[in-house]
Amino acid sequence: MARGFCSITRTDDELSIICLLENLPEEHRGEIPWTCFKLEGPFSFSAVGVLNSFIAPLAQAEIPIFAVSTYDTDYVLVSEADAEQAIEALRRANHRLIS
């Protein structure tokens, strides 16, 4: 996950805060450690299927995801336990992964 990555989303029903685990107090840490993939943008709003092209191979490999989008970039989180399998599925789908 990018060093400064943090996402805060508030709706009428919930508040979601996504950040580095080290930035959370112990009592608020989730049960699942996540690995974050950043889709290098920016992508034009007229581009169709960008996020789908990334998550479709993960769905085919039965890997659950959590997606977060910003104005310029999409982020896809998978559980750490699924990270290696996700990387393999993405490479098979000809995605280029950059560390």
N, C-alpha and C. Protein backbone atom coordinates (compact mmCIF):
# COMPACT_ATOMS: atom_id res chain seq x y z
N MET A 1 0.86 -1.17 0.00
CA MET A 1 0.00 0.00 0.00
C MET A 1 0.90 1.22 0.00
N ALA A 2 0.49 2.20 -0.76
CA ALA A 2 1.28 3.43 -0.83
C ALA A 2 1.43 4.02 0.56
N ARG A 3 2.57 4.57 0.84
CA ARG A 3 2.91 5.07 2.18
C ARG A 3 1.86 6.01 2.74
N GLY A 4 1.37 6.93 1.94
CA GLY A 4 0.41 7.91 2.44
C GLY A 4 -1.03 7.56 2.16
N PHE A 5 -1.31 6.32 1.76
CA PHE A 5 -2.66 5.94 1.38
C PHE A 5 -3.59 5.99 2.58
N CYS A 6 -4.70 6.70 2.40
CA CYS A 6 -5.75 6.75 3.40
C CYS A 6 -7.03 7.13 2.66
N SER A 7 -8.11 6.43 2.95
CA SER A 7 -9.39 6.75 2.33
C SER A 7 -10.44 6.81 3.43
N ILE A 8 -11.22 7.87 3.42
CA ILE A 8 -12.31 8.04 4.38
C ILE A 8 -13.59 8.23 3.59
N THR A 9 -14.56 7.36 3.83
CA THR A 9 -15.84 7.44 3.15
C THR A 9 -16.94 7.44 4.20
N ARG A 10 -17.82 8.43 4.09
CA ARG A 10 -18.93 8.52 5.04
C ARG A 10 -20.23 8.51 4.26
N THR A 11 -21.16 7.66 4.70
CA THR A 11 -22.50 7.63 4.15
C THR A 11 -23.48 7.78 5.31
N ASP A 12 -24.76 7.77 5.00
CA ASP A 12 -25.75 7.83 6.07
C ASP A 12 -25.67 6.61 6.98
N ASP A 13 -25.16 5.49 6.46
CA ASP A 13 -25.17 4.24 7.20
C ASP A 13 -23.84 3.85 7.84
N GLU A 14 -22.74 4.41 7.36
CA GLU A 14 -21.46 3.94 7.88
C GLU A 14 -20.34 4.94 7.67
N LEU A 15 -19.24 4.65 8.34
CA LEU A 15 -17.99 5.37 8.17
C LEU A 15 -16.91 4.33 7.92
N SER A 16 -16.23 4.43 6.78
CA SER A 16 -15.14 3.51 6.45
C SER A 16 -13.84 4.29 6.39
N ILE A 17 -12.85 3.81 7.12
CA ILE A 17 -11.53 4.42 7.09
C ILE A 17 -10.55 3.32 6.70
N ILE A 18 -9.79 3.58 5.64
CA ILE A 18 -8.80 2.62 5.16
C ILE A 18 -7.45 3.31 5.24
N CYS A 19 -6.52 2.69 5.96
CA CYS A 19 -5.18 3.27 6.08
C CYS A 19 -4.21 2.15 6.44
N LEU A 20 -2.96 2.50 6.56
CA LEU A 20 -1.96 1.52 6.95
C LEU A 20 -2.28 1.00 8.35
N LEU A 21 -2.10 -0.29 8.55
CA LEU A 21 -2.39 -0.91 9.83
C LEU A 21 -1.65 -0.24 10.97
N GLU A 22 -0.43 0.17 10.72
CA GLU A 22 0.39 0.80 11.77
C GLU A 22 -0.20 2.12 12.25
N ASN A 23 -1.12 2.70 11.48
CA ASN A 23 -1.71 3.98 11.86
C ASN A 23 -2.99 3.82 12.69
N LEU A 24 -3.40 2.59 12.95
CA LEU A 24 -4.63 2.36 13.70
C LEU A 24 -4.34 1.92 15.13
N PRO A 25 -5.14 2.39 16.07
CA PRO A 25 -5.02 1.85 17.43
C PRO A 25 -5.39 0.37 17.42
N GLU A 26 -4.79 -0.40 18.29
CA GLU A 26 -4.99 -1.85 18.34
C GLU A 26 -6.48 -2.22 18.40
N GLU A 27 -7.28 -1.50 19.17
CA GLU A 27 -8.68 -1.87 19.34
C GLU A 27 -9.53 -1.63 18.10
N HIS A 28 -8.99 -0.94 17.09
CA HIS A 28 -9.75 -0.67 15.88
C HIS A 28 -9.22 -1.41 14.66
N ARG A 29 -8.32 -2.30 14.86
CA ARG A 29 -7.74 -3.04 13.74
C ARG A 29 -8.71 -4.10 13.27
N GLY A 30 -8.83 -4.21 11.95
CA GLY A 30 -9.72 -5.21 11.36
C GLY A 30 -9.19 -6.61 11.56
N GLU A 31 -10.00 -7.57 11.22
CA GLU A 31 -9.62 -8.96 11.38
C GLU A 31 -8.73 -9.46 10.25
N ILE A 32 -8.80 -8.80 9.10
CA ILE A 32 -8.07 -9.29 7.93
C ILE A 32 -7.01 -8.28 7.52
N PRO A 33 -5.73 -8.68 7.49
CA PRO A 33 -4.73 -7.79 6.90
C PRO A 33 -4.90 -7.80 5.37
N TRP A 34 -4.75 -6.66 4.74
CA TRP A 34 -5.00 -6.50 3.32
C TRP A 34 -3.73 -6.17 2.56
N THR A 35 -3.72 -6.53 1.30
CA THR A 35 -2.70 -6.10 0.35
C THR A 35 -3.40 -5.19 -0.64
N CYS A 36 -2.78 -4.06 -0.96
CA CYS A 36 -3.40 -3.06 -1.82
C CYS A 36 -2.69 -2.99 -3.17
N PHE A 37 -3.47 -3.08 -4.24
CA PHE A 37 -2.97 -2.90 -5.60
C PHE A 37 -3.46 -1.55 -6.10
N LYS A 38 -2.56 -0.75 -6.61
CA LYS A 38 -2.90 0.56 -7.17
C LYS A 38 -2.90 0.46 -8.68
N LEU A 39 -4.01 0.81 -9.31
CA LEU A 39 -4.08 0.84 -10.76
C LEU A 39 -3.57 2.20 -11.20
N GLU A 40 -2.47 2.22 -11.90
CA GLU A 40 -1.84 3.48 -12.30
C GLU A 40 -2.75 4.28 -13.20
N GLY A 41 -3.12 5.43 -12.79
CA GLY A 41 -3.97 6.35 -13.55
C GLY A 41 -3.17 7.57 -13.92
N PRO A 42 -3.79 8.63 -14.27
CA PRO A 42 -5.24 8.78 -14.26
C PRO A 42 -5.87 8.11 -15.49
N PHE A 43 -7.13 7.70 -15.34
CA PHE A 43 -7.90 7.13 -16.42
C PHE A 43 -8.98 8.13 -16.82
N SER A 44 -9.21 8.23 -18.09
CA SER A 44 -10.25 9.11 -18.58
C SER A 44 -11.61 8.60 -18.11
N PHE A 45 -12.51 9.52 -17.76
CA PHE A 45 -13.85 9.10 -17.36
C PHE A 45 -14.61 8.46 -18.52
N SER A 46 -14.13 8.65 -19.74
CA SER A 46 -14.78 8.01 -20.89
C SER A 46 -14.26 6.58 -21.11
N ALA A 47 -13.18 6.20 -20.40
CA ALA A 47 -12.66 4.84 -20.52
C ALA A 47 -13.60 3.88 -19.81
N VAL A 48 -13.98 2.83 -20.51
CA VAL A 48 -14.94 1.86 -19.99
C VAL A 48 -14.22 0.55 -19.68
N GLY A 49 -14.49 -0.04 -18.51
CA GLY A 49 -13.99 -1.37 -18.21
C GLY A 49 -12.61 -1.45 -17.59
N VAL A 50 -12.03 -0.32 -17.20
CA VAL A 50 -10.68 -0.35 -16.63
C VAL A 50 -10.66 -1.19 -15.35
N LEU A 51 -11.51 -0.85 -14.41
CA LEU A 51 -11.54 -1.59 -13.15
C LEU A 51 -11.97 -3.04 -13.39
N ASN A 52 -12.94 -3.24 -14.27
CA ASN A 52 -13.41 -4.59 -14.56
C ASN A 52 -12.29 -5.47 -15.12
N SER A 53 -11.44 -4.91 -15.97
CA SER A 53 -10.36 -5.71 -16.55
C SER A 53 -9.39 -6.20 -15.48
N PHE A 54 -9.32 -5.47 -14.37
CA PHE A 54 -8.43 -5.84 -13.27
C PHE A 54 -9.10 -6.83 -12.32
N ILE A 55 -10.38 -6.62 -12.02
CA ILE A 55 -11.03 -7.48 -11.04
C ILE A 55 -11.62 -8.76 -11.63
N ALA A 56 -11.86 -8.79 -12.93
CA ALA A 56 -12.42 -10.00 -13.54
C ALA A 56 -11.52 -11.23 -13.33
N PRO A 57 -10.20 -11.12 -13.55
CA PRO A 57 -9.34 -12.29 -13.29
C PRO A 57 -9.37 -12.71 -11.82
N LEU A 58 -9.55 -11.75 -10.93
CA LEU A 58 -9.62 -12.07 -9.50
C LEU A 58 -10.93 -12.80 -9.20
N ALA A 59 -12.01 -12.35 -9.81
CA ALA A 59 -13.30 -13.02 -9.63
C ALA A 59 -13.24 -14.45 -10.17
N GLN A 60 -12.60 -14.62 -11.33
CA GLN A 60 -12.47 -15.97 -11.90
C GLN A 60 -11.66 -16.89 -11.00
N ALA A 61 -10.70 -16.29 -10.27
CA ALA A 61 -9.88 -17.08 -9.34
C ALA A 61 -10.55 -17.17 -7.96
N GLU A 62 -11.78 -16.65 -7.87
CA GLU A 62 -12.56 -16.66 -6.63
C GLU A 62 -11.86 -15.96 -5.48
N ILE A 63 -11.27 -14.81 -5.81
CA ILE A 63 -10.58 -13.99 -4.81
C ILE A 63 -11.47 -12.78 -4.49
N PRO A 64 -11.95 -12.67 -3.26
CA PRO A 64 -12.76 -11.51 -2.89
C PRO A 64 -11.92 -10.23 -2.91
N ILE A 65 -12.56 -9.13 -3.26
CA ILE A 65 -11.85 -7.85 -3.34
C ILE A 65 -12.63 -6.78 -2.60
N PHE A 66 -11.93 -5.71 -2.30
CA PHE A 66 -12.53 -4.47 -1.78
C PHE A 66 -11.93 -3.37 -2.64
N ALA A 67 -12.76 -2.63 -3.37
CA ALA A 67 -12.27 -1.61 -4.30
C ALA A 67 -12.55 -0.21 -3.75
N VAL A 68 -11.60 0.68 -3.98
CA VAL A 68 -11.73 2.09 -3.61
C VAL A 68 -11.29 2.90 -4.81
N SER A 69 -12.09 3.88 -5.18
CA SER A 69 -11.73 4.73 -6.32
C SER A 69 -11.60 6.17 -5.87
N THR A 70 -10.64 6.86 -6.46
CA THR A 70 -10.49 8.29 -6.26
C THR A 70 -10.69 8.95 -7.62
N TYR A 71 -10.51 10.22 -7.68
CA TYR A 71 -10.68 10.95 -8.93
C TYR A 71 -9.75 10.41 -10.02
N ASP A 72 -8.49 10.14 -9.67
CA ASP A 72 -7.48 9.72 -10.65
C ASP A 72 -7.15 8.23 -10.65
N THR A 73 -7.43 7.53 -9.58
CA THR A 73 -6.86 6.20 -9.41
C THR A 73 -7.86 5.23 -8.79
N ASP A 74 -7.69 3.96 -9.13
CA ASP A 74 -8.46 2.88 -8.49
C ASP A 74 -7.49 2.06 -7.64
N TYR A 75 -7.99 1.60 -6.50
CA TYR A 75 -7.22 0.73 -5.61
C TYR A 75 -8.05 -0.52 -5.38
N VAL A 76 -7.40 -1.67 -5.41
CA VAL A 76 -8.08 -2.94 -5.16
C VAL A 76 -7.34 -3.63 -4.03
N LEU A 77 -8.08 -3.94 -2.98
CA LEU A 77 -7.51 -4.62 -1.83
C LEU A 77 -7.96 -6.07 -1.81
N VAL A 78 -7.02 -6.95 -1.52
CA VAL A 78 -7.32 -8.37 -1.32
C VAL A 78 -6.70 -8.78 0.01
N SER A 79 -7.23 -9.83 0.61
CA SER A 79 -6.65 -10.27 1.88
C SER A 79 -5.21 -10.71 1.63
N GLU A 80 -4.37 -10.53 2.65
CA GLU A 80 -2.98 -10.95 2.52
C GLU A 80 -2.88 -12.44 2.18
N ALA A 81 -3.81 -13.22 2.70
CA ALA A 81 -3.79 -14.66 2.43
C ALA A 81 -4.00 -14.96 0.95
N ASP A 82 -4.68 -14.07 0.23
CA ASP A 82 -4.95 -14.27 -1.20
C ASP A 82 -3.99 -13.52 -2.11
N ALA A 83 -3.04 -12.79 -1.55
CA ALA A 83 -2.20 -11.89 -2.34
C ALA A 83 -1.40 -12.63 -3.42
N GLU A 84 -0.75 -13.71 -3.08
CA GLU A 84 0.06 -14.42 -4.07
C GLU A 84 -0.80 -15.00 -5.19
N GLN A 85 -1.94 -15.56 -4.81
CA GLN A 85 -2.86 -16.10 -5.82
C GLN A 85 -3.39 -14.97 -6.70
N ALA A 86 -3.62 -13.80 -6.13
CA ALA A 86 -4.09 -12.64 -6.90
C ALA A 86 -3.02 -12.21 -7.90
N ILE A 87 -1.79 -12.16 -7.46
CA ILE A 87 -0.69 -11.77 -8.35
C ILE A 87 -0.58 -12.75 -9.52
N GLU A 88 -0.68 -14.02 -9.24
CA GLU A 88 -0.63 -15.03 -10.31
C GLU A 88 -1.78 -14.85 -11.29
N ALA A 89 -2.99 -14.63 -10.77
CA ALA A 89 -4.17 -14.45 -11.65
C ALA A 89 -4.01 -13.20 -12.51
N LEU A 90 -3.49 -12.14 -11.95
CA LEU A 90 -3.30 -10.90 -12.70
C LEU A 90 -2.23 -11.05 -13.77
N ARG A 91 -1.17 -11.73 -13.45
CA ARG A 91 -0.11 -11.97 -14.46
C ARG A 91 -0.63 -12.84 -15.60
N ARG A 92 -1.42 -13.86 -15.28
CA ARG A 92 -2.01 -14.72 -16.33
C ARG A 92 -2.91 -13.89 -17.25
N ALA A 93 -3.50 -12.83 -16.70
CA ALA A 93 -4.38 -11.96 -17.49
C ALA A 93 -3.59 -10.84 -18.17
N ASN A 94 -2.27 -10.95 -18.16
CA ASN A 94 -1.36 -10.00 -18.82
C ASN A 94 -1.34 -8.61 -18.20
N HIS A 95 -1.60 -8.54 -16.90
CA HIS A 95 -1.41 -7.27 -16.19
C HIS A 95 0.05 -7.17 -15.81
N ARG A 96 0.59 -5.99 -15.93
CA ARG A 96 1.98 -5.74 -15.57
C ARG A 96 2.00 -5.18 -14.16
N LEU A 97 2.64 -5.89 -13.26
CA LEU A 97 2.69 -5.47 -11.86
C LEU A 97 4.01 -4.77 -11.58
N ILE A 98 3.91 -3.62 -10.96
CA ILE A 98 5.09 -2.81 -10.62
C ILE A 98 5.14 -2.70 -9.10
N SER A 99 6.30 -2.98 -8.54
CA SER A 99 6.44 -2.88 -7.07
C SER A 99 6.49 -1.46 -6.61
